[in-house]
Amino acid sequence: MDEHRMQIGELADRIKLSLRTIRYYEEVGLVRPSARTPGGFRLYTEADALRFETIKRMKPLDFSLEEMGDLLHVLDRLGDPALPAEEREQLVERLEMYRLAVVERSRRLQEQLAVAEDFQATLIAEIGRHRPSPSGAR
């Protein structure tokens, strides 16, 4: 049975990325279309869509393109059932390194969110102090 292949527009709609962004990630080597039509149009599979989803999840955490590429390589290699046990263990250790980086970056984002929420509360209080009450009395 043939796997469903999507053209770039269908992929873009599905994963909520622009055509330009998809092409950029292809240009920098993070994702390659699985095939092309006889006319040269890119065709993507479910596996390609999952790669883009991984990239999308790494981007807001400020992972570099190099780190994204490395993690994708690790995931690709771990998918090889013939992978030697020693190499598998090394790749799992690298995967753990990325997990710990996500934990740290998430912690920093939570701190930033707390600062933003506190600032928002300060502004709401300030607005309340300066906005006349509905009855016109203060």
C-alpha atoms as a PDB file:
ATOM      1  CA  MET A   1       0.000   0.000   0.000  1.00  0.00           C
ATOM      2  CA  ASP A   2       1.366   3.415  -0.956  1.00  0.00           C
ATOM      3  CA  GLU A   3       1.844   5.977   1.788  1.00  0.00           C
ATOM      4  CA  HIS A   4      -0.122   9.210   1.373  1.00  0.00           C
ATOM      5  CA  ARG A   5       2.078  11.955  -0.015  1.00  0.00           C
ATOM      6  CA  MET A   6       1.281  15.615   0.402  1.00  0.00           C
ATOM      7  CA  GLN A   7       2.281  18.491  -1.778  1.00  0.00           C
ATOM      8  CA  ILE A   8       3.862  21.439  -0.012  1.00  0.00           C
ATOM      9  CA  GLY A   9       0.609  23.423   0.254  1.00  0.00           C
ATOM     10  CA  GLU A  10      -1.238  20.574   1.950  1.00  0.00           C
ATOM     11  CA  LEU A  11       1.700  20.042   4.299  1.00  0.00           C
ATOM     12  CA  ALA A  12       1.844  23.759   5.123  1.00  0.00           C
ATOM     13  CA  ASP A  13      -1.873  23.812   5.979  1.00  0.00           C
ATOM     14  CA  ARG A  14      -1.577  20.707   8.088  1.00  0.00           C
ATOM     15  CA  ILE A  15       1.458  21.695  10.150  1.00  0.00           C
ATOM     16  CA  LYS A  16       0.720  25.430  10.208  1.00  0.00           C
ATOM     17  CA  LEU A  17       4.010  26.606   8.685  1.00  0.00           C
ATOM     18  CA  SER A  18       4.458  28.924   5.734  1.00  0.00           C
ATOM     19  CA  LEU A  19       5.683  27.645   2.377  1.00  0.00           C
ATOM     20  CA  ARG A  20       8.713  29.874   2.805  1.00  0.00           C
ATOM     21  CA  THR A  21       9.551  28.308   6.182  1.00  0.00           C
ATOM     22  CA  ILE A  22       9.189  24.786   4.794  1.00  0.00           C
ATOM     23  CA  ARG A  23      11.488  25.646   1.912  1.00  0.00           C
ATOM     24  CA  TYR A  24      13.980  27.252   4.294  1.00  0.00           C
ATOM     25  CA  TYR A  25      14.164  24.134   6.481  1.00  0.00           C
ATOM     26  CA  GLU A  26      14.738  22.122   3.319  1.00  0.00           C
ATOM     27  CA  GLU A  27      17.459  24.566   2.184  1.00  0.00           C
ATOM     28  CA  VAL A  28      19.346  24.250   5.491  1.00  0.00           C
ATOM     29  CA  GLY A  29      19.076  20.450   5.360  1.00  0.00           C
ATOM     30  CA  LEU A  30      16.702  19.755   8.245  1.00  0.00           C
ATOM     31  CA  VAL A  31      14.020  18.135   6.090  1.00  0.00           C
ATOM     32  CA  ARG A  32      13.991  16.854   2.557  1.00  0.00           C
ATOM     33  CA  PRO A  33      10.857  15.979   0.630  1.00  0.00           C
ATOM     34  CA  SER A  34      10.462  12.211   0.390  1.00  0.00           C
ATOM     35  CA  ALA A  35       9.803  12.427  -3.332  1.00  0.00           C
ATOM     36  CA  ARG A  36       9.013  14.738  -6.199  1.00  0.00           C
ATOM     37  CA  THR A  37       6.367  14.588  -8.875  1.00  0.00           C
ATOM     38  CA  PRO A  38       7.466  14.189 -12.501  1.00  0.00           C
ATOM     39  CA  GLY A  39       6.994  17.969 -12.710  1.00  0.00           C
ATOM     40  CA  GLY A  40       9.377  18.551  -9.798  1.00  0.00           C
ATOM     41  CA  PHE A  41       6.823  19.385  -7.085  1.00  0.00           C
ATOM     42  CA  ARG A  42       7.819  18.389  -3.562  1.00  0.00           C
ATOM     43  CA  LEU A  43       5.990  15.455  -1.978  1.00  0.00           C
ATOM     44  CA  TYR A  44       6.000  14.857   1.770  1.00  0.00           C
ATOM     45  CA  THR A  45       5.025  11.853   3.879  1.00  0.00           C
ATOM     46  CA  GLU A  46       3.683  11.524   7.408  1.00  0.00           C
ATOM     47  CA  ALA A  47       7.269  11.004   8.601  1.00  0.00           C
ATOM     48  CA  ASP A  48       8.250  14.322   6.998  1.00  0.00           C
ATOM     49  CA  ALA A  49       5.349  16.062   8.749  1.00  0.00           C
ATOM     50  CA  LEU A  50       6.524  14.629  12.079  1.00  0.00           C
ATOM     51  CA  ARG A  51      10.030  16.019  11.438  1.00  0.00           C
ATOM     52  CA  PHE A  52       8.526  19.469  10.893  1.00  0.00           C
ATOM     53  CA  GLU A  53       6.509  19.100  14.101  1.00  0.00           C
ATOM     54  CA  THR A  54       9.730  18.335  15.992  1.00  0.00           C
ATOM     55  CA  ILE A  55      11.364  21.432  14.525  1.00  0.00           C
ATOM     56  CA  LYS A  56       8.329  23.559  15.422  1.00  0.00           C
ATOM     57  CA  ARG A  57       8.542  22.373  19.025  1.00  0.00           C
ATOM     58  CA  MET A  58      12.262  23.133  19.267  1.00  0.00           C
ATOM     59  CA  LYS A  59      12.118  26.613  17.712  1.00  0.00           C
ATOM     60  CA  PRO A  60      10.386  28.480  20.585  1.00  0.00           C
ATOM     61  CA  LEU A  61      12.876  26.900  22.967  1.00  0.00           C
ATOM     62  CA  ASP A  62      15.709  28.605  21.063  1.00  0.00           C
ATOM     63  CA  PHE A  63      17.421  25.475  19.802  1.00  0.00           C
ATOM     64  CA  SER A  64      19.855  26.280  17.009  1.00  0.00           C
ATOM     65  CA  LEU A  65      19.532  24.840  13.511  1.00  0.00           C
ATOM     66  CA  GLU A  66      22.571  22.696  14.302  1.00  0.00           C
ATOM     67  CA  GLU A  67      20.923  21.330  17.450  1.00  0.00           C
ATOM     68  CA  MET A  68      17.703  20.673  15.549  1.00  0.00           C
ATOM     69  CA  GLY A  69      19.641  18.789  12.891  1.00  0.00           C
ATOM     70  CA  ASP A  70      21.519  16.783  15.505  1.00  0.00           C
ATOM     71  CA  LEU A  71      18.339  15.786  17.342  1.00  0.00           C
ATOM     72  CA  LEU A  72      16.663  14.784  14.077  1.00  0.00           C
ATOM     73  CA  HIS A  73      19.727  12.686  13.240  1.00  0.00           C
ATOM     74  CA  VAL A  74      19.576  11.010  16.663  1.00  0.00           C
ATOM     75  CA  LEU A  75      15.885  10.205  16.188  1.00  0.00           C
ATOM     76  CA  ASP A  76      16.533   8.866  12.683  1.00  0.00           C
ATOM     77  CA  ARG A  77      19.345   6.596  13.885  1.00  0.00           C
ATOM     78  CA  LEU A  78      17.314   5.334  16.844  1.00  0.00           C
ATOM     79  CA  GLY A  79      14.649   4.253  14.360  1.00  0.00           C
ATOM     80  CA  ASP A  80      17.083   1.779  12.795  1.00  0.00           C
ATOM     81  CA  PRO A  81      16.268  -1.693  14.146  1.00  0.00           C
ATOM     82  CA  ALA A  82      19.758  -2.936  13.167  1.00  0.00           C
ATOM     83  CA  LEU A  83      21.504  -0.261  15.252  1.00  0.00           C
ATOM     84  CA  PRO A  84      24.314  -1.744  17.382  1.00  0.00           C
ATOM     85  CA  ALA A  85      23.580  -1.665  21.125  1.00  0.00           C
ATOM     86  CA  GLU A  86      26.609   0.511  21.937  1.00  0.00           C
ATOM     87  CA  GLU A  87      25.625   3.170  19.411  1.00  0.00           C
ATOM     88  CA  ARG A  88      21.999   2.997  20.603  1.00  0.00           C
ATOM     89  CA  GLU A  89      23.136   3.719  24.165  1.00  0.00           C
ATOM     90  CA  GLN A  90      25.215   6.708  23.019  1.00  0.00           C
ATOM     91  CA  LEU A  91      22.259   8.086  21.070  1.00  0.00           C
ATOM     92  CA  VAL A  92      19.924   7.616  24.022  1.00  0.00           C
ATOM     93  CA  GLU A  93      22.402   9.590  26.147  1.00  0.00           C
ATOM     94  CA  ARG A  94      22.294  12.417  23.589  1.00  0.00           C
ATOM     95  CA  LEU A  95      18.506  12.252  23.627  1.00  0.00           C
ATOM     96  CA  GLU A  96      18.624  12.589  27.419  1.00  0.00           C
ATOM     97  CA  MET A  97      20.870  15.649  27.012  1.00  0.00           C
ATOM     98  CA  TYR A  98      18.190  17.271  24.844  1.00  0.00           C
ATOM     99  CA  ARG A  99      15.488  16.339  27.349  1.00  0.00           C
ATOM    100  CA  LEU A 100      17.427  18.054  30.116  1.00  0.00           C
ATOM    101  CA  ALA A 101      17.916  21.117  27.905  1.00  0.00           C
ATOM    102  CA  VAL A 102      14.146  21.252  27.362  1.00  0.00           C
ATOM    103  CA  VAL A 103      13.582  21.063  31.126  1.00  0.00           C
ATOM    104  CA  GLU A 104      15.963  23.991  31.708  1.00  0.00           C
ATOM    105  CA  ARG A 105      14.561  26.085  28.881  1.00  0.00           C
ATOM    106  CA  SER A 106      11.017  25.401  30.081  1.00  0.00           C
ATOM    107  CA  ARG A 107      11.988  26.534  33.587  1.00  0.00           C
ATOM    108  CA  ARG A 108      13.357  29.799  32.196  1.00  0.00           C
ATOM    109  CA  LEU A 109      10.187  30.358  30.160  1.00  0.00           C
ATOM    110  CA  GLN A 110       8.069  29.735  33.257  1.00  0.00           C
ATOM    111  CA  GLU A 111      10.082  32.379  35.107  1.00  0.00           C
ATOM    112  CA  GLN A 112       9.575  34.828  32.245  1.00  0.00           C
ATOM    113  CA  LEU A 113       5.844  34.066  32.238  1.00  0.00           C
ATOM    114  CA  ALA A 114       5.632  34.739  35.985  1.00  0.00           C
ATOM    115  CA  VAL A 115       7.345  38.123  35.486  1.00  0.00           C
ATOM    116  CA  ALA A 116       4.959  38.965  32.623  1.00  0.00           C
ATOM    117  CA  GLU A 117       1.892  37.982  34.661  1.00  0.00           C
ATOM    118  CA  ASP A 118       3.083  40.047  37.613  1.00  0.00           C
ATOM    119  CA  PHE A 119       3.674  43.019  35.329  1.00  0.00           C
ATOM    120  CA  GLN A 120       0.224  42.602  33.810  1.00  0.00           C
ATOM    121  CA  ALA A 121      -1.337  42.605  37.294  1.00  0.00           C
ATOM    122  CA  THR A 122       0.557  45.811  38.120  1.00  0.00           C
ATOM    123  CA  LEU A 123      -0.757  47.480  34.966  1.00  0.00           C
ATOM    124  CA  ILE A 124      -4.324  46.341  35.660  1.00  0.00           C
ATOM    125  CA  ALA A 125      -4.093  47.827  39.139  1.00  0.00           C
ATOM    126  CA  GLU A 126      -2.693  51.067  37.738  1.00  0.00           C
ATOM    127  CA  ILE A 127      -5.503  51.286  35.167  1.00  0.00           C
ATOM    128  CA  GLY A 128      -8.029  50.721  37.948  1.00  0.00           C
ATOM    129  CA  ARG A 129      -6.529  53.549  39.992  1.00  0.00           C
ATOM    130  CA  HIS A 130      -6.828  56.036  37.137  1.00  0.00           C
ATOM    131  CA  ARG A 131     -10.052  55.013  35.435  1.00  0.00           C
ATOM    132  CA  PRO A 132     -13.167  56.683  36.798  1.00  0.00           C
ATOM    133  CA  SER A 133     -15.671  54.318  38.369  1.00  0.00           C
ATOM    134  CA  PRO A 134     -18.918  53.743  36.430  1.00  0.00           C
ATOM    135  CA  SER A 135     -20.867  55.973  38.828  1.00  0.00           C
ATOM    136  CA  GLY A 136     -18.452  58.825  38.269  1.00  0.00           C
ATOM    137  CA  ALA A 137     -17.342  58.837  41.943  1.00  0.00           C
ATOM    138  CA  ARG A 138     -13.916  57.773  43.117  1.00  0.00           C
END
